[in-house]
């Protein structure tokens, strides 16, 4: 590495800021969402535009630097950074342009989900995405993207029209169904393996005010609630998303003090449809289950729902998560879930089951890299706590929980819910699509320049 000779060249070719270890902002600039991960890149290229990304990729390749790419920085194992290499930071590239007539959205890859929601909402539109507004739209999209609108409108990648990409050789291409179609196929679920995406163009859908919010039951009712939920979901209208959680009520506002610290079973609901049909869609939940200890379902703007959990999940918490795709919930799996949820090591630790049905099932498993089109849920188990002293307990709980419920899974996981779990798990995640992904990798990144990710090895 000839850094002293070449570094001024990168500085001279960038509009954005170049941050080295002597920079006053270095420690803040290198921080990641997961406080359990601490990495120290040699340089941070805070790119202002696609030209900066091209310069940074060329610099990293020519100087044989390890390259990591960061959008929102939410990646669980910290794959949005690296030790001793070049971090291409896209966070300053956060422009959004909405075309309300065509119902399309162009978002730069440094945007958060909240940036996109904010820009779309005045037009009565939304792009299907996740459930936490601070999530980076780039990593979310490249991994697949599921959330409140998935049953109705599919995954984020099912609504991706095209992507602008800087490739390993520094060239710039647009990938779509008609241009670089194999690259476009791989980007839809294959993660950051093939290049640096600088912008995405999405299809948006009518979403304004939704009937949404949480319902909580005491953990003593969890078995009844989960059994009911597994039967209710397949016949629920696709306008209604209800994801299930085993959680603890945080000891903070806005939750009533009398239920702080209680272990619960939760349904977090979102109905996006005619207002006069919302109550009817929700009626089975309210009439066929025990009375909840909290019913927070109300009418709210969609961006308010998307940011509902943000105050509880600030950057810098300790995180350890494990995921799996799930098709069925037999009674044995339900009992195992409840057993481990009762032993959660912190108030923020949780298990969520996100619906993967409806519109998601109407896309073939070979139409994008995202393989598990026949799943019913995407499961995540997350140990979360602000105290670094609790990191070992979080990790042990999440791993033990996952090991006991994994036999009830389909074998692979949502790539955005994986830690550093090895090549076997990556192969399981992509299933029959893995070999095709390898060919896309060989075409677009044959030297594996982009390998700080859940890596597809060429």
Protein backbone atom coordinates (compact mmCIF):
# COMPACT_ATOMS: atom_id res chain seq x y z
CA UNK A 1 0.00 0.00 0.00
CA UNK A 2 1.46 3.35 -1.06
CA UNK A 3 -0.81 5.56 0.97
CA UNK A 4 1.47 8.57 1.40
CA UNK A 5 1.96 8.93 -2.33
CA UNK A 6 -1.59 8.28 -3.43
CA UNK A 7 -3.83 9.71 -0.73
CA UNK A 8 -3.69 13.32 -2.04
CA UNK A 9 -4.97 12.02 -5.38
CA UNK A 10 -8.17 10.78 -3.72
CA UNK A 11 -8.59 14.00 -1.79
CA UNK A 12 -8.18 16.01 -4.97
CA UNK A 13 -10.78 14.00 -6.88
CA UNK A 14 -13.53 14.03 -4.25
CA UNK A 15 -16.18 16.66 -3.59
CA UNK A 16 -16.98 14.99 -0.28
CA UNK A 17 -14.85 14.81 2.83
CA UNK A 18 -11.93 12.42 3.31
CA UNK A 19 -11.45 11.47 6.95
CA UNK A 20 -8.29 9.83 8.26
CA UNK A 21 -7.40 8.70 11.77
CA UNK A 22 -5.99 12.13 12.66
CA UNK A 23 -9.23 13.90 11.74
CA UNK A 24 -11.21 15.47 14.61
CA UNK A 25 -14.37 13.74 13.40
CA UNK A 26 -12.82 10.30 12.93
CA UNK A 27 -14.27 8.58 16.01
CA UNK A 28 -17.77 9.85 15.34
CA UNK A 29 -17.56 9.08 11.62
CA UNK A 30 -16.57 5.45 12.18
CA UNK A 31 -19.35 4.62 14.65
CA UNK A 32 -21.83 1.93 13.72
CA UNK A 33 -25.41 1.31 14.79
CA UNK A 34 -24.43 -1.85 16.66
CA UNK A 35 -22.39 -0.79 19.68
CA UNK A 36 -21.10 -4.36 20.00
CA UNK A 37 -18.94 -3.79 16.89
CA UNK A 38 -15.90 -1.50 16.89
CA UNK A 39 -13.92 -1.06 13.66
CA UNK A 40 -11.16 1.35 12.70
CA UNK A 41 -10.89 1.97 8.94
CA UNK A 42 -7.72 3.56 7.59
CA UNK A 43 -9.71 6.11 5.58
CA UNK A 44 -13.36 7.15 5.43
CA UNK A 45 -14.47 8.58 2.08
CA UNK A 46 -17.69 10.47 2.78
CA UNK A 47 -18.95 10.61 -0.79
CA UNK A 48 -21.05 13.50 -2.08
CA UNK A 49 -22.10 11.92 -5.39
CA UNK A 50 -21.54 9.05 -7.79
CA UNK A 51 -18.31 10.61 -9.08
CA UNK A 52 -16.88 10.44 -5.56
CA UNK A 53 -17.87 6.78 -5.34
CA UNK A 54 -16.05 6.07 -8.60
CA UNK A 55 -12.92 7.83 -7.29
CA UNK A 56 -13.07 5.91 -4.02
CA UNK A 57 -13.54 2.52 -5.68
CA UNK A 58 -10.66 3.20 -8.06
CA UNK A 59 -8.44 4.31 -5.19
CA UNK A 60 -9.24 1.28 -3.08
CA UNK A 61 -8.67 -1.14 -5.95
CA UNK A 62 -5.42 0.47 -7.15
CA UNK A 63 -3.98 0.54 -3.62
CA UNK A 64 -5.12 -2.97 -2.69
CA UNK A 65 -7.22 -1.70 0.21
CA UNK A 66 -10.00 -3.67 1.82
CA UNK A 67 -13.23 -1.84 0.91
CA UNK A 68 -16.39 -1.59 2.99
CA UNK A 69 -19.54 0.29 1.99
CA UNK A 70 -21.88 1.97 4.46
CA UNK A 71 -25.31 3.46 3.91
CA UNK A 72 -27.28 3.63 7.16
CA UNK A 73 -24.78 1.54 9.12
CA UNK A 74 -27.48 -0.74 10.62
CA UNK A 75 -25.82 -3.99 9.55
CA UNK A 76 -25.82 -6.37 12.54
CA UNK A 77 -22.26 -7.76 12.30
CA UNK A 78 -20.88 -4.36 11.29
CA UNK A 79 -20.26 -5.18 7.63
CA UNK A 80 -20.72 -1.49 6.86
CA UNK A 81 -17.13 -0.89 7.97
CA UNK A 82 -13.73 -2.58 8.15
CA UNK A 83 -10.46 -2.52 10.03
CA UNK A 84 -7.50 -0.92 8.28
CA UNK A 85 -9.18 -0.39 4.93
CA UNK A 86 -11.27 2.14 3.03
CA UNK A 87 -14.81 2.86 4.20
CA UNK A 88 -16.98 4.28 1.42
CA UNK A 89 -19.56 6.24 3.40
CA UNK A 90 -22.71 7.08 1.43
CA UNK A 91 -24.61 8.84 4.22
CA UNK A 92 -24.26 12.30 2.64
CA UNK A 93 -25.94 11.02 -0.54
CA UNK A 94 -29.50 11.30 0.75
CA UNK A 95 -31.55 13.03 -1.94
CA UNK A 96 -35.04 11.78 -2.80
CA UNK A 97 -37.16 12.72 -5.82
CA UNK A 98 -40.78 11.64 -6.08
CA UNK A 99 -42.64 11.53 -9.39
CA UNK A 100 -46.29 11.51 -8.23
CA UNK A 101 -47.69 11.14 -11.74
CA UNK A 102 -45.75 7.94 -12.42
CA UNK A 103 -45.74 6.88 -8.77
CA UNK A 104 -41.99 6.36 -8.78
CA UNK A 105 -39.27 7.41 -6.35
CA UNK A 106 -35.57 7.98 -6.95
CA UNK A 107 -33.58 7.69 -3.72
CA UNK A 108 -29.84 8.01 -3.28
CA UNK A 109 -28.26 5.11 -1.45
CA UNK A 110 -27.33 7.04 1.69
CA UNK A 111 -31.00 7.66 2.48
CA UNK A 112 -32.64 6.22 5.52
CA UNK A 113 -36.06 4.67 5.28
CA UNK A 114 -37.32 7.78 7.10
CA UNK A 115 -35.92 10.04 4.37
CA UNK A 116 -37.92 8.15 1.76
CA UNK A 117 -41.09 8.07 3.88
CA UNK A 118 -40.85 11.83 4.53
CA UNK A 119 -40.48 12.64 0.84
CA UNK A 120 -43.30 10.33 -0.28
CA UNK A 121 -45.95 11.09 2.34
CA UNK A 122 -47.09 14.51 1.02
CA UNK A 123 -48.00 12.75 -2.23
CA UNK A 124 -49.94 10.00 -0.43
CA UNK A 125 -47.35 7.40 -1.44
CA UNK A 126 -44.91 4.97 0.16
CA UNK A 127 -42.29 2.45 -0.89
CA UNK A 128 -42.54 -0.95 0.87
CA UNK A 129 -39.65 -1.13 3.30
CA UNK A 130 -38.90 -2.07 6.92
CA UNK A 131 -40.22 -1.02 10.33
CA UNK A 132 -37.49 1.28 11.74
CA UNK A 133 -37.11 4.65 10.04
CA UNK A 134 -33.37 4.99 10.78
CA UNK A 135 -32.58 1.88 8.72
CA UNK A 136 -30.49 2.61 5.62
CA UNK A 137 -32.54 2.11 2.48
CA UNK A 138 -29.52 0.70 0.62
CA UNK A 139 -28.74 -2.31 2.78
CA UNK A 140 -32.43 -2.93 3.38
CA UNK A 141 -33.13 -3.02 -0.35
CA UNK A 142 -30.15 -5.13 -1.36
CA UNK A 143 -31.10 -7.71 1.26
CA UNK A 144 -34.74 -7.87 0.16
CA UNK A 145 -36.72 -5.55 2.40
CA UNK A 146 -39.85 -6.64 4.28
CA UNK A 147 -42.22 -4.70 6.50
CA UNK A 148 -45.76 -3.43 6.98
CA UNK A 149 -46.62 -3.30 3.26
CA UNK A 150 -45.14 -6.64 2.17
CA UNK A 151 -48.36 -8.67 2.22
CA UNK A 152 -50.07 -6.05 0.07
CA UNK A 153 -47.28 -4.86 -2.23
CA UNK A 154 -44.36 -7.28 -1.90
CA UNK A 155 -40.77 -6.87 -0.80
CA UNK A 156 -38.77 -3.71 -1.39
CA UNK A 157 -36.96 -5.50 -4.22
CA UNK A 158 -40.28 -6.40 -5.83
CA UNK A 159 -40.80 -2.66 -6.23
CA UNK A 160 -37.29 -1.85 -7.48
CA UNK A 161 -37.29 -0.57 -11.07
CA UNK A 162 -33.60 0.11 -11.56
CA UNK A 163 -30.35 0.82 -9.72
CA UNK A 164 -27.27 2.87 -10.62
CA UNK A 165 -24.13 0.94 -9.73
CA UNK A 166 -20.39 1.62 -9.59
CA UNK A 167 -18.66 -1.66 -10.44
CA UNK A 168 -15.33 -3.01 -9.23
CA UNK A 169 -13.49 -1.66 -12.29
CA UNK A 170 -14.83 1.84 -11.59
CA UNK A 171 -17.35 1.81 -14.43
CA UNK A 172 -20.89 3.08 -13.90
CA UNK A 173 -23.93 1.16 -15.10
CA UNK A 174 -27.69 1.19 -14.67
CA UNK A 175 -29.17 -2.21 -13.90
CA UNK A 176 -32.80 -2.98 -14.73
CA UNK A 177 -34.86 -5.68 -16.39
CA UNK A 178 -33.61 -4.45 -19.79
CA UNK A 179 -30.02 -3.35 -18.93
CA UNK A 180 -27.55 -5.63 -17.15
CA UNK A 181 -30.48 -7.87 -16.33
CA UNK A 182 -28.39 -10.50 -14.51
CA UNK A 183 -26.86 -7.83 -12.31
CA UNK A 184 -30.36 -6.51 -11.58
CA UNK A 185 -31.45 -10.03 -10.68
CA UNK A 186 -28.51 -10.37 -8.26
CA UNK A 187 -28.99 -6.97 -6.64
CA UNK A 188 -32.51 -7.99 -5.63
CA UNK A 189 -31.54 -9.92 -2.52
CA UNK A 190 -27.85 -10.62 -3.15
CA UNK A 191 -26.57 -7.86 -0.87
CA UNK A 192 -23.63 -5.59 -1.63
CA UNK A 193 -21.67 -8.25 -3.47
CA UNK A 194 -21.62 -6.77 -6.96
CA UNK A 195 -20.82 -3.07 -6.67
CA UNK A 196 -21.70 0.16 -4.93
CA UNK A 197 -25.28 1.23 -5.65
CA UNK A 198 -25.50 5.02 -5.79
CA UNK A 199 -29.26 5.35 -6.32
CA UNK A 200 -32.41 3.27 -6.50
CA UNK A 201 -35.62 3.88 -8.44
CA UNK A 202 -38.71 2.37 -6.88
CA UNK A 203 -42.38 1.88 -7.62
CA UNK A 204 -44.51 3.57 -4.94
CA UNK A 205 -48.05 2.81 -3.76
CA UNK A 206 -50.94 4.79 -2.30
CA UNK A 207 -50.40 4.99 1.46
CA UNK A 208 -51.49 7.87 3.67
CA UNK A 209 -53.15 7.48 7.04
CA UNK A 210 -53.12 3.90 8.31
CA UNK A 211 -55.01 2.18 11.13
CA UNK A 212 -52.10 0.84 13.10
CA UNK A 213 -50.26 0.30 16.34
CA UNK A 214 -49.46 -2.31 19.00
CA UNK A 215 -51.59 -4.68 21.04
CA UNK A 216 -50.00 -6.35 24.09
CA UNK A 217 -51.04 -9.46 26.01
CA UNK A 218 -49.38 -10.84 29.09
CA UNK A 219 -46.98 -13.69 28.35
CA UNK A 220 -49.41 -16.00 30.14
CA UNK A 221 -51.72 -15.57 27.12
CA UNK A 222 -48.96 -16.06 24.53
CA UNK A 223 -49.76 -19.67 23.67
CA UNK A 224 -53.38 -18.83 22.90
CA UNK A 225 -52.45 -15.70 20.94
CA UNK A 226 -49.80 -17.40 18.82
CA UNK A 227 -51.96 -20.41 18.00
CA UNK A 228 -54.76 -18.08 16.94
CA UNK A 229 -52.36 -15.90 14.93
CA UNK A 230 -50.92 -18.80 12.90
CA UNK A 231 -54.45 -19.70 11.75
CA UNK A 232 -55.66 -16.12 11.26
CA UNK A 233 -52.80 -14.78 9.13
CA UNK A 234 -53.32 -16.87 5.95
CA UNK A 235 -56.92 -15.71 5.57
CA UNK A 236 -56.41 -12.11 6.76
CA UNK A 237 -56.92 -9.40 4.11
CA UNK A 238 -53.62 -8.44 2.49
CA UNK A 239 -54.24 -4.81 3.45
CA UNK A 240 -53.62 -5.93 7.05
CA UNK A 241 -50.13 -6.72 8.26
CA UNK A 242 -49.75 -8.03 11.79
CA UNK A 243 -46.34 -9.13 12.94
CA UNK A 244 -45.94 -11.05 16.17
CA UNK A 245 -43.46 -10.28 18.92
CA UNK A 246 -42.39 -11.82 22.20
CA UNK A 247 -41.03 -8.88 24.16
CA UNK A 248 -40.87 -6.94 27.42
CA UNK A 249 -42.69 -3.66 27.97
CA UNK A 250 -39.95 -1.00 28.22
CA UNK A 251 -39.91 0.92 31.48
CA UNK A 252 -40.43 4.28 29.83
CA UNK A 253 -43.09 6.52 28.37
CA UNK A 254 -45.36 6.30 26.45
CA UNK A 255 -46.14 2.92 28.02
CA UNK A 256 -48.32 2.96 31.17
CA UNK A 257 -46.12 2.58 34.27
CA UNK A 258 -48.30 -0.23 35.61
CA UNK A 259 -47.13 -2.57 32.82
CA UNK A 260 -43.44 -1.58 32.71
CA UNK A 261 -41.15 -4.60 32.71
CA UNK A 262 -43.90 -7.16 31.97
CA UNK A 263 -43.13 -9.98 29.57
CA UNK A 264 -45.65 -9.85 26.73
CA UNK A 265 -46.87 -11.28 23.46
CA UNK A 266 -47.53 -8.47 20.97
CA UNK A 267 -49.18 -7.96 17.62
CA UNK A 268 -47.99 -4.84 15.80
CA UNK A 269 -50.65 -4.07 13.21
CA UNK A 270 -51.01 -1.92 10.12
CA UNK A 271 -54.13 -1.73 7.99
CA UNK A 272 -53.63 0.17 4.72
CA UNK A 273 -57.02 0.30 3.08
CA UNK A 274 -60.39 2.06 3.13
CA UNK A 275 -60.95 3.73 6.50
CA UNK A 276 -64.48 2.37 6.76
CA UNK A 277 -63.15 -1.19 6.47
CA UNK A 278 -60.36 -0.90 9.04
CA UNK A 279 -62.46 -1.80 12.08
CA UNK A 280 -63.88 -4.86 10.33
CA UNK A 281 -60.38 -6.05 9.41
CA UNK A 282 -59.23 -5.67 13.02
CA UNK A 283 -62.41 -7.09 14.62
CA UNK A 284 -61.24 -10.73 14.85
CA UNK A 285 -58.18 -9.65 16.85
CA UNK A 286 -60.37 -7.80 19.33
CA UNK A 287 -63.20 -10.33 19.59
CA UNK A 288 -61.48 -13.72 19.36
CA UNK A 289 -58.59 -13.14 21.77
CA UNK A 290 -58.33 -12.26 25.47
CA UNK A 291 -58.58 -8.60 26.34
CA UNK A 292 -55.13 -7.05 25.77
CA UNK A 293 -53.29 -5.21 28.53
CA UNK A 294 -52.59 -2.44 25.98
CA UNK A 295 -54.40 -1.51 22.79
CA UNK A 296 -52.52 1.25 20.98
CA UNK A 297 -54.11 0.84 17.55
CA UNK A 298 -55.30 4.14 16.12
CA UNK A 299 -55.25 6.18 12.93
CA UNK A 300 -51.83 7.67 12.21
CA UNK A 301 -49.75 8.91 9.27
CA UNK A 302 -47.69 6.09 7.80
CA UNK A 303 -44.34 7.79 8.63
CA UNK A 304 -45.43 7.96 12.28
CA UNK A 305 -45.88 4.19 12.30
CA UNK A 306 -42.54 3.70 10.58
CA UNK A 307 -40.76 5.70 13.29
CA UNK A 308 -42.72 4.27 16.23
CA UNK A 309 -39.78 2.24 17.56
CA UNK A 310 -37.05 4.81 16.87
CA UNK A 311 -36.89 6.28 20.40
CA UNK A 312 -36.36 2.79 21.86
CA UNK A 313 -33.59 1.85 19.42
CA UNK A 314 -31.03 4.67 19.19
CA UNK A 315 -27.66 4.10 17.58
CA UNK A 316 -25.00 2.55 19.80
CA UNK A 317 -26.97 -0.16 21.60
CA UNK A 318 -25.49 -3.63 21.99
CA UNK A 319 -27.07 -5.99 19.42
CA UNK A 320 -26.80 -9.68 18.67
CA UNK A 321 -29.35 -11.18 16.32
CA UNK A 322 -30.13 -14.44 14.59
CA UNK A 323 -32.74 -15.15 11.93
CA UNK A 324 -34.56 -17.90 10.07
CA UNK A 325 -37.35 -18.28 7.56
CA UNK A 326 -40.35 -20.18 8.93
CA UNK A 327 -43.21 -21.88 7.09
CA UNK A 328 -45.18 -23.41 9.98
CA UNK A 329 -45.58 -22.90 13.74
CA UNK A 330 -46.33 -26.26 15.35
CA UNK A 331 -47.20 -26.36 19.03
CA UNK A 332 -43.69 -27.55 19.91
CA UNK A 333 -42.15 -24.47 18.30
CA UNK A 334 -44.61 -22.20 20.12
CA UNK A 335 -43.71 -23.73 23.48
CA UNK A 336 -40.00 -23.33 22.76
CA UNK A 337 -40.46 -19.68 21.83
CA UNK A 338 -42.36 -18.92 25.02
CA UNK A 339 -39.80 -20.73 27.15
CA UNK A 340 -36.92 -18.64 25.82
CA UNK A 341 -38.86 -15.37 25.72
CA UNK A 342 -39.50 -15.74 29.45
CA UNK A 343 -35.71 -15.69 29.98
CA UNK A 344 -34.95 -12.59 27.88
CA UNK A 345 -31.86 -10.90 29.38
CA UNK A 346 -33.01 -7.30 28.90
CA UNK A 347 -36.14 -5.24 28.34
CA UNK A 348 -35.27 -4.55 24.70
CA UNK A 349 -34.49 -8.16 23.75
CA UNK A 350 -37.14 -9.66 21.48
CA UNK A 351 -38.36 -12.18 18.95
CA UNK A 352 -40.36 -11.01 15.93
CA UNK A 353 -42.17 -12.98 13.22
CA UNK A 354 -42.72 -10.83 10.11
CA UNK A 355 -45.30 -12.07 7.57
CA UNK A 356 -43.86 -13.27 4.25
CA UNK A 357 -46.97 -14.11 2.27
CA UNK A 358 -49.56 -12.43 0.08
CA UNK A 359 -47.86 -10.45 -2.69
CA UNK A 360 -44.45 -11.90 -1.79
CA UNK A 361 -45.69 -15.35 -2.79
CA UNK A 362 -46.76 -14.12 -6.22
CA UNK A 363 -43.12 -13.69 -7.29
CA UNK A 364 -41.23 -16.82 -8.32
CA UNK A 365 -38.21 -17.90 -6.31
CA UNK A 366 -36.03 -17.65 -9.43
CA UNK A 367 -37.23 -14.16 -10.40
CA UNK A 368 -34.83 -12.51 -7.96
CA UNK A 369 -31.95 -13.63 -5.78
CA UNK A 370 -34.25 -13.68 -2.74
CA UNK A 371 -35.01 -17.37 -2.38
CA UNK A 372 -37.60 -18.03 0.33
CA UNK A 373 -40.75 -17.02 -1.51
CA UNK A 374 -42.71 -19.86 0.09
CA UNK A 375 -41.99 -18.83 3.68
CA UNK A 376 -44.80 -17.66 5.95
CA UNK A 377 -42.62 -15.62 8.30
CA UNK A 378 -39.17 -14.12 8.59
CA UNK A 379 -38.03 -14.61 12.18
CA UNK A 380 -35.51 -12.54 14.07
CA UNK A 381 -34.25 -13.13 17.61
CA UNK A 382 -32.42 -10.04 18.90
CA UNK A 383 -30.55 -9.56 22.15
CA UNK A 384 -30.47 -5.78 22.72
CA UNK A 385 -29.23 -3.66 25.63
CA UNK A 386 -27.49 -0.30 26.13
CA UNK A 387 -24.95 -1.70 28.61
CA UNK A 388 -21.78 -3.23 27.05
CA UNK A 389 -21.44 -5.36 30.18
CA UNK A 390 -24.48 -7.29 29.02
CA UNK A 391 -23.06 -8.27 25.63
CA UNK A 392 -22.20 -11.85 26.59
CA UNK A 393 -25.63 -12.48 28.10
CA UNK A 394 -27.33 -11.08 24.97
CA UNK A 395 -25.26 -13.27 22.70
CA UNK A 396 -25.72 -16.43 24.75
CA UNK A 397 -29.48 -15.94 25.00
CA UNK A 398 -29.96 -15.26 21.27
CA UNK A 399 -27.77 -18.18 20.21
CA UNK A 400 -29.40 -20.62 22.62
CA UNK A 401 -32.89 -19.50 21.63
CA UNK A 402 -32.05 -19.81 17.93
CA UNK A 403 -30.49 -23.26 18.31
CA UNK A 404 -33.65 -24.58 19.92
CA UNK A 405 -36.11 -23.14 17.36
CA UNK A 406 -33.93 -23.62 14.25
CA UNK A 407 -35.11 -27.24 13.75
CA UNK A 408 -38.59 -25.78 13.07
CA UNK A 409 -37.23 -23.44 10.37
CA UNK A 410 -36.75 -23.74 6.60
CA UNK A 411 -32.95 -23.72 6.95
CA UNK A 412 -31.96 -20.27 5.70
CA UNK A 413 -32.35 -16.73 6.99
CA UNK A 414 -33.06 -13.21 5.79
CA UNK A 415 -29.59 -11.96 4.94
CA UNK A 416 -30.16 -8.72 6.89
CA UNK A 417 -30.79 -10.76 10.07
CA UNK A 418 -27.50 -12.65 9.95
CA UNK A 419 -24.30 -12.18 11.93
CA UNK A 420 -20.97 -13.60 10.69
CA UNK A 421 -22.25 -17.16 10.35
CA UNK A 422 -20.09 -18.72 7.66
CA UNK A 423 -20.43 -19.84 4.08
CA UNK A 424 -22.78 -22.72 4.80
CA UNK A 425 -25.42 -20.35 6.16
CA UNK A 426 -25.01 -18.04 3.16
CA UNK A 427 -25.57 -20.97 0.81
CA UNK A 428 -28.64 -22.00 2.83
CA UNK A 429 -29.98 -18.46 2.58
CA UNK A 430 -29.83 -18.42 -1.22
CA UNK A 431 -30.66 -22.06 -1.83
CA UNK A 432 -31.05 -22.92 -5.52
CA UNK A 433 -30.14 -19.34 -6.45
CA UNK A 434 -26.63 -19.52 -5.01
CA UNK A 435 -24.86 -20.92 -8.08
CA UNK A 436 -26.42 -18.26 -10.30
CA UNK A 437 -25.25 -15.59 -7.84
CA UNK A 438 -21.73 -16.95 -8.14
CA UNK A 439 -21.89 -16.45 -11.91
CA UNK A 440 -23.11 -12.85 -11.46
CA UNK A 441 -20.25 -12.27 -9.05
CA UNK A 442 -17.72 -13.68 -11.52
CA UNK A 443 -19.04 -11.37 -14.21
CA UNK A 444 -19.19 -8.13 -12.22
CA UNK A 445 -16.62 -8.58 -9.42
CA UNK A 446 -14.31 -11.42 -10.41
CA UNK A 447 -11.57 -10.48 -7.91
CA UNK A 448 -14.03 -10.17 -5.02
CA UNK A 449 -13.16 -6.53 -4.37
CA UNK A 450 -16.50 -6.17 -2.58
CA UNK A 451 -16.15 -8.86 0.06
CA UNK A 452 -17.04 -7.07 3.31
CA UNK A 453 -20.58 -8.45 3.20
CA UNK A 454 -22.38 -11.77 3.40
CA UNK A 455 -20.04 -12.82 0.67
CA UNK A 456 -20.80 -14.69 -2.53
CA UNK A 457 -17.38 -16.12 -3.35
CA UNK A 458 -16.57 -16.16 -7.10
